[in-house]
Amino acid sequence: MSDVERAVVRLLQGVATRDTVIRRDAWRRLVDVGPGAVPHVLAKLDSAAWGARPKGPSFLYLGVLLSLLHTLDVPAFRAEIGRLRAARLHDRHRRVVDFMAKMSDAEPVLHLTDGTPVFVAEEIEDRERIAGYVARWARTPGVALGDVSRIDVIGWSGDMEYVGLYRICESAIVLTWPAGRARGLLRWWRRIVGEHTFYHEVGHHVCGHLEGGREPEQEREADDFARWTMYAAHPWFFRTVKTLLLPFKPIVHLWMRLRRRRTKAAPQSPE
């Protein structure tokens, strides 16, 4: 088995075991190899498994292999998408193929000053305005995108368990956004939530986080980065809010002292 074949196997092992470090290292090894890795990726994609009911993480294998192929060679990716669509696929595997085809065919709405492409899903209204938000947030002091490969804004749906993602292997940022247009305070609130989410995901990238999932320490670091970056982006707003709330500070302290006294004076329940 060649080194490239081992890297492909390691990539799939990382997917199966949810080991982000293994997956990231194998991904970067294959990207460094470049087009020479394409035949080995195509060999893995040439499998009868896609026609059967998914077993274990097979649909994840399909997605990561297609994503890698797109990174290595776009024409080869499009040819493979055509081959797979003509083949007999299980419905879940076909949805993966259709999703990857849709993502790859999209054109960036704009490029940031460092060249990073910003993609906004077609079902989202005001795509140019939202991409403009991202471009403005990326200019905030302290935001260092470095080798971020792309930024995607996808449509948000109620069954999603996240509002943003940092895809470690691809060094890509994903934001969610409601598809419908909003006005007034709702529009302002969506922008604030989107901005904080963007800074949070950038925080994962800047801090070099490698663990997948919501690891508590990483989430705290990303939250700290987002909080200070929000302050850097809107210093006058936060200073004004702080000034307006200053007269209420003694009242808050008094309330906290009274609450502590009540807690101490409350009778203890018998053991």
Protein backbone atom coordinates (compact mmCIF):
# COMPACT_ATOMS: atom_id res chain seq x y z
CA MET A 1 0.00 0.00 0.00
CA SER A 2 1.38 3.40 -1.01
CA ASP A 3 1.62 6.42 1.30
CA VAL A 4 -1.27 8.07 -0.56
CA GLU A 5 -3.48 4.99 -0.15
CA ARG A 6 -2.64 4.93 3.56
CA ALA A 7 -3.61 8.60 3.83
CA VAL A 8 -7.02 7.89 2.25
CA VAL A 9 -7.57 5.01 4.68
CA ARG A 10 -6.50 7.22 7.59
CA LEU A 11 -8.94 9.90 6.46
CA LEU A 12 -11.83 7.45 6.57
CA GLN A 13 -10.61 6.08 9.91
CA GLY A 14 -10.72 9.62 11.27
CA VAL A 15 -14.29 9.98 10.03
CA ALA A 16 -15.34 6.63 11.52
CA THR A 17 -13.78 7.31 14.93
CA ARG A 18 -14.63 11.04 14.95
CA ASP A 19 -10.95 11.74 15.52
CA THR A 20 -10.54 15.23 14.12
CA VAL A 21 -6.74 15.22 14.39
CA ILE A 22 -6.39 12.03 12.31
CA ARG A 23 -8.88 13.33 9.77
CA ARG A 24 -7.24 16.74 9.54
CA ASP A 25 -3.71 15.36 9.15
CA ALA A 26 -4.78 12.87 6.49
CA TRP A 27 -6.76 15.54 4.64
CA ARG A 28 -3.82 17.94 4.58
CA ARG A 29 -1.47 15.16 3.47
CA LEU A 30 -3.71 14.38 0.51
CA VAL A 31 -4.14 18.06 -0.38
CA ASP A 32 -0.33 18.41 -0.36
CA VAL A 33 -0.09 15.48 -2.79
CA GLY A 34 -2.53 17.28 -5.09
CA PRO A 35 -3.86 15.74 -8.34
CA GLY A 36 -1.70 12.66 -7.78
CA ALA A 37 -4.15 11.62 -5.05
CA VAL A 38 -7.18 11.77 -7.37
CA PRO A 39 -6.97 8.15 -8.69
CA HIS A 40 -6.88 6.82 -5.12
CA VAL A 41 -9.94 8.89 -4.14
CA LEU A 42 -11.80 7.75 -7.26
CA ALA A 43 -10.94 4.13 -6.43
CA LYS A 44 -12.65 4.52 -3.04
CA LEU A 45 -15.66 6.19 -4.66
CA ASP A 46 -16.01 3.32 -7.15
CA SER A 47 -17.92 1.19 -4.67
CA ALA A 48 -21.13 -0.78 -4.72
CA ALA A 49 -21.73 0.31 -1.12
CA TRP A 50 -23.49 3.49 -2.26
CA GLY A 51 -26.32 1.42 -3.75
CA ALA A 52 -27.05 -0.33 -0.47
CA ARG A 53 -28.62 0.90 2.73
CA PRO A 54 -26.03 2.95 4.66
CA LYS A 55 -24.05 0.96 7.20
CA GLY A 56 -22.31 2.87 9.94
CA PRO A 57 -20.78 6.09 8.65
CA SER A 58 -20.87 5.15 4.94
CA PHE A 59 -22.78 8.30 3.99
CA LEU A 60 -20.12 10.33 5.83
CA TYR A 61 -17.41 8.52 3.84
CA LEU A 62 -19.17 9.48 0.63
CA GLY A 63 -19.42 13.13 1.63
CA VAL A 64 -15.80 13.53 2.74
CA LEU A 65 -14.45 11.72 -0.34
CA LEU A 66 -16.46 13.96 -2.67
CA SER A 67 -15.42 17.06 -0.74
CA LEU A 68 -11.76 16.03 -1.00
CA LEU A 69 -12.11 15.28 -4.72
CA HIS A 70 -13.60 18.73 -5.27
CA THR A 71 -10.63 20.28 -3.46
CA LEU A 72 -8.14 18.27 -5.53
CA ASP A 73 -9.65 18.44 -9.02
CA VAL A 74 -12.93 20.19 -9.88
CA PRO A 75 -13.37 18.62 -13.38
CA ALA A 76 -12.76 15.15 -11.92
CA PHE A 77 -15.31 15.95 -9.18
CA ARG A 78 -17.96 16.99 -11.73
CA ALA A 79 -17.35 13.86 -13.80
CA GLU A 80 -17.68 11.69 -10.69
CA ILE A 81 -20.92 13.46 -9.70
CA GLY A 82 -22.28 12.65 -13.15
CA ARG A 83 -21.26 9.01 -12.83
CA LEU A 84 -22.79 8.65 -9.39
CA ARG A 85 -26.05 10.31 -10.43
CA ALA A 86 -26.36 7.82 -13.28
CA ALA A 87 -25.72 4.91 -10.92
CA ARG A 88 -28.18 3.14 -8.66
CA LEU A 89 -27.85 4.79 -5.25
CA HIS A 90 -29.64 4.42 -1.95
CA ASP A 91 -31.79 7.49 -1.24
CA ARG A 92 -29.56 8.70 1.59
CA HIS A 93 -26.42 8.39 -0.52
CA ARG A 94 -28.17 10.14 -3.41
CA ARG A 95 -29.05 13.06 -1.13
CA VAL A 96 -25.35 13.37 -0.23
CA VAL A 97 -24.40 13.44 -3.92
CA ASP A 98 -27.09 16.02 -4.74
CA PHE A 99 -26.05 18.21 -1.80
CA MET A 100 -22.38 18.11 -2.79
CA ALA A 101 -23.27 18.92 -6.39
CA LYS A 102 -25.34 21.90 -5.30
CA MET A 103 -22.62 23.22 -3.00
CA SER A 104 -19.92 22.90 -5.64
CA ASP A 105 -21.93 24.58 -8.39
CA ALA A 106 -22.52 27.72 -6.33
CA GLU A 107 -20.60 30.87 -7.20
CA PRO A 108 -19.24 33.08 -4.42
CA VAL A 109 -21.23 36.26 -3.84
CA LEU A 110 -17.96 38.08 -3.17
CA HIS A 111 -14.33 37.62 -2.15
CA LEU A 112 -12.85 39.20 0.95
CA THR A 113 -9.78 41.41 0.62
CA ASP A 114 -7.56 38.39 1.30
CA GLY A 115 -9.32 36.39 -1.42
CA THR A 116 -11.49 34.19 0.85
CA PRO A 117 -14.73 33.40 -1.04
CA VAL A 118 -18.07 34.04 0.66
CA PHE A 119 -20.96 31.83 -0.46
CA VAL A 120 -24.60 32.55 0.42
CA ALA A 121 -27.29 29.97 -0.33
CA GLU A 122 -29.69 30.95 -3.10
CA GLU A 123 -32.78 30.44 -0.94
CA ILE A 124 -31.67 33.27 1.37
CA GLU A 125 -33.01 36.70 0.44
CA ASP A 126 -30.71 39.74 0.29
CA ARG A 127 -27.66 37.56 -0.42
CA GLU A 128 -25.47 40.54 -1.34
CA ARG A 129 -26.37 42.40 1.85
CA ILE A 130 -25.56 39.41 4.06
CA ALA A 131 -22.26 38.80 2.24
CA GLY A 132 -21.52 42.49 2.83
CA TYR A 133 -22.05 41.96 6.56
CA VAL A 134 -19.48 39.15 6.50
CA ALA A 135 -16.99 41.34 4.62
CA ARG A 136 -17.44 44.09 7.23
CA TRP A 137 -17.04 41.69 10.16
CA ALA A 138 -13.86 40.28 8.60
CA ARG A 139 -12.28 43.77 8.79
CA THR A 140 -12.77 43.96 12.57
CA PRO A 141 -9.47 44.35 14.49
CA GLY A 142 -8.29 40.98 15.79
CA VAL A 143 -10.06 38.92 13.14
CA ALA A 144 -7.35 36.85 11.44
CA LEU A 145 -8.79 34.48 8.86
CA GLY A 146 -5.35 33.26 7.80
CA ASP A 147 -5.84 30.11 5.74
CA VAL A 148 -9.66 29.92 6.03
CA SER A 149 -10.64 28.30 2.73
CA ARG A 150 -14.22 29.57 2.44
CA ILE A 151 -17.17 31.02 4.33
CA ASP A 152 -20.64 29.59 3.72
CA VAL A 153 -23.95 31.10 4.81
CA ILE A 154 -26.63 28.42 4.58
CA GLY A 155 -30.36 28.50 5.23
CA TRP A 156 -31.37 27.90 8.82
CA SER A 157 -34.11 25.43 9.66
CA GLY A 158 -35.76 24.59 12.97
CA ASP A 159 -34.21 21.11 13.23
CA MET A 160 -30.63 22.44 13.17
CA GLU A 161 -28.67 22.06 16.39
CA TYR A 162 -26.22 24.85 15.59
CA VAL A 163 -26.09 28.42 14.29
CA GLY A 164 -22.49 28.16 13.12
CA LEU A 165 -19.73 25.63 12.50
CA TYR A 166 -15.98 25.57 12.09
CA ARG A 167 -15.00 22.76 9.73
CA ILE A 168 -11.55 21.95 11.03
CA CYS A 169 -10.21 19.80 8.19
CA GLU A 170 -11.18 22.26 5.47
CA SER A 171 -10.53 25.36 7.63
CA ALA A 172 -13.98 26.56 6.57
CA ILE A 173 -16.60 28.59 8.44
CA VAL A 174 -20.33 27.89 8.14
CA LEU A 175 -23.00 30.34 9.33
CA THR A 176 -26.76 29.82 9.28
CA TRP A 177 -29.32 32.48 8.36
CA PRO A 178 -33.13 32.43 8.12
CA ALA A 179 -34.22 32.41 4.49
CA GLY A 180 -36.96 35.06 4.75
CA ARG A 181 -36.38 38.79 4.77
CA ALA A 182 -36.69 40.61 8.10
CA ARG A 183 -37.26 44.26 8.98
CA GLY A 184 -36.88 46.51 11.99
CA LEU A 185 -35.67 45.03 15.25
CA LEU A 186 -35.74 41.45 13.90
CA ARG A 187 -33.36 42.42 11.10
CA TRP A 188 -31.05 44.11 13.62
CA TRP A 189 -31.19 41.08 15.95
CA ARG A 190 -30.35 38.64 13.15
CA ARG A 191 -27.32 40.74 12.26
CA ILE A 192 -26.11 40.83 15.88
CA VAL A 193 -26.53 37.06 16.29
CA GLY A 194 -24.82 36.45 12.94
CA GLU A 195 -21.91 38.72 13.84
CA HIS A 196 -21.35 37.09 17.23
CA THR A 197 -21.54 33.62 15.63
CA PHE A 198 -19.00 34.64 12.99
CA TYR A 199 -16.54 35.85 15.63
CA HIS A 200 -17.11 32.67 17.65
CA GLU A 201 -16.22 30.43 14.69
CA VAL A 202 -13.23 32.62 13.82
CA GLY A 203 -12.19 32.19 17.46
CA HIS A 204 -12.03 28.42 16.95
CA HIS A 205 -9.77 29.01 13.94
CA VAL A 206 -7.54 31.61 15.62
CA CYS A 207 -7.13 29.47 18.74
CA GLY A 208 -6.17 26.43 16.66
CA HIS A 209 -8.87 24.20 18.07
CA LEU A 210 -8.69 20.59 16.93
CA GLU A 211 -11.36 18.77 18.94
CA GLY A 212 -14.66 18.11 17.22
CA GLY A 213 -18.01 18.67 18.92
CA ARG A 214 -18.72 21.16 21.69
CA GLU A 215 -15.67 20.71 23.93
CA PRO A 216 -16.27 23.03 26.93
CA GLU A 217 -12.82 24.60 27.15
CA GLN A 218 -12.73 25.32 23.42
CA GLU A 219 -16.22 26.82 23.56
CA ARG A 220 -15.16 29.13 26.41
CA GLU A 221 -12.13 30.30 24.45
CA ALA A 222 -14.22 30.91 21.33
CA ASP A 223 -16.84 32.77 23.40
CA ASP A 224 -14.13 34.95 24.97
CA PHE A 225 -12.76 35.77 21.52
CA ALA A 226 -16.26 36.62 20.24
CA ARG A 227 -17.01 38.85 23.24
CA TRP A 228 -13.84 40.91 22.95
CA THR A 229 -14.14 41.12 19.18
CA MET A 230 -17.72 42.36 19.44
CA TYR A 231 -16.42 45.08 21.78
CA ALA A 232 -13.67 45.97 19.28
CA ALA A 233 -16.25 46.20 16.49
CA HIS A 234 -18.70 48.38 18.45
CA PRO A 235 -16.76 50.20 21.19
CA TRP A 236 -19.02 53.25 21.34
CA PHE A 237 -22.15 51.11 21.64
CA PHE A 238 -20.80 49.13 24.59
CA ARG A 239 -19.40 52.24 26.28
CA THR A 240 -22.78 53.95 25.94
CA VAL A 241 -24.63 50.93 27.37
CA LYS A 242 -22.14 50.76 30.24
CA THR A 243 -22.62 54.47 30.98
CA LEU A 244 -26.41 54.18 30.89
CA LEU A 245 -26.36 51.21 33.27
CA LEU A 246 -23.85 52.75 35.67
CA PRO A 247 -26.51 54.43 37.93
CA PHE A 248 -28.11 51.01 38.45
CA LYS A 249 -24.88 49.37 39.64
CA PRO A 250 -25.47 50.12 43.39
CA ILE A 251 -29.00 48.75 43.12
CA VAL A 252 -27.71 45.52 41.57
CA HIS A 253 -25.06 45.16 44.30
CA LEU A 254 -27.67 45.78 47.03
CA TRP A 255 -30.00 43.21 45.51
CA MET A 256 -27.16 40.65 45.38
CA ARG A 257 -26.24 41.28 49.06
CA LEU A 258 -29.87 40.90 50.15
CA ARG A 259 -30.16 37.69 48.16
CA ARG A 260 -27.05 36.25 49.81
CA ARG A 261 -28.40 37.14 53.27
CA ARG A 262 -31.72 35.46 52.56
CA THR A 263 -29.89 32.37 51.34
CA LYS A 264 -27.82 32.20 54.55
CA ALA A 265 -30.87 32.81 56.75
CA ALA A 266 -33.04 30.21 55.03
CA PRO A 267 -33.65 27.12 57.25
CA GLN A 268 -31.68 24.05 56.18
CA SER A 269 -33.67 21.00 55.30
CA PRO A 270 -33.04 18.00 57.60
CA GLU A 271 -30.83 15.30 56.17
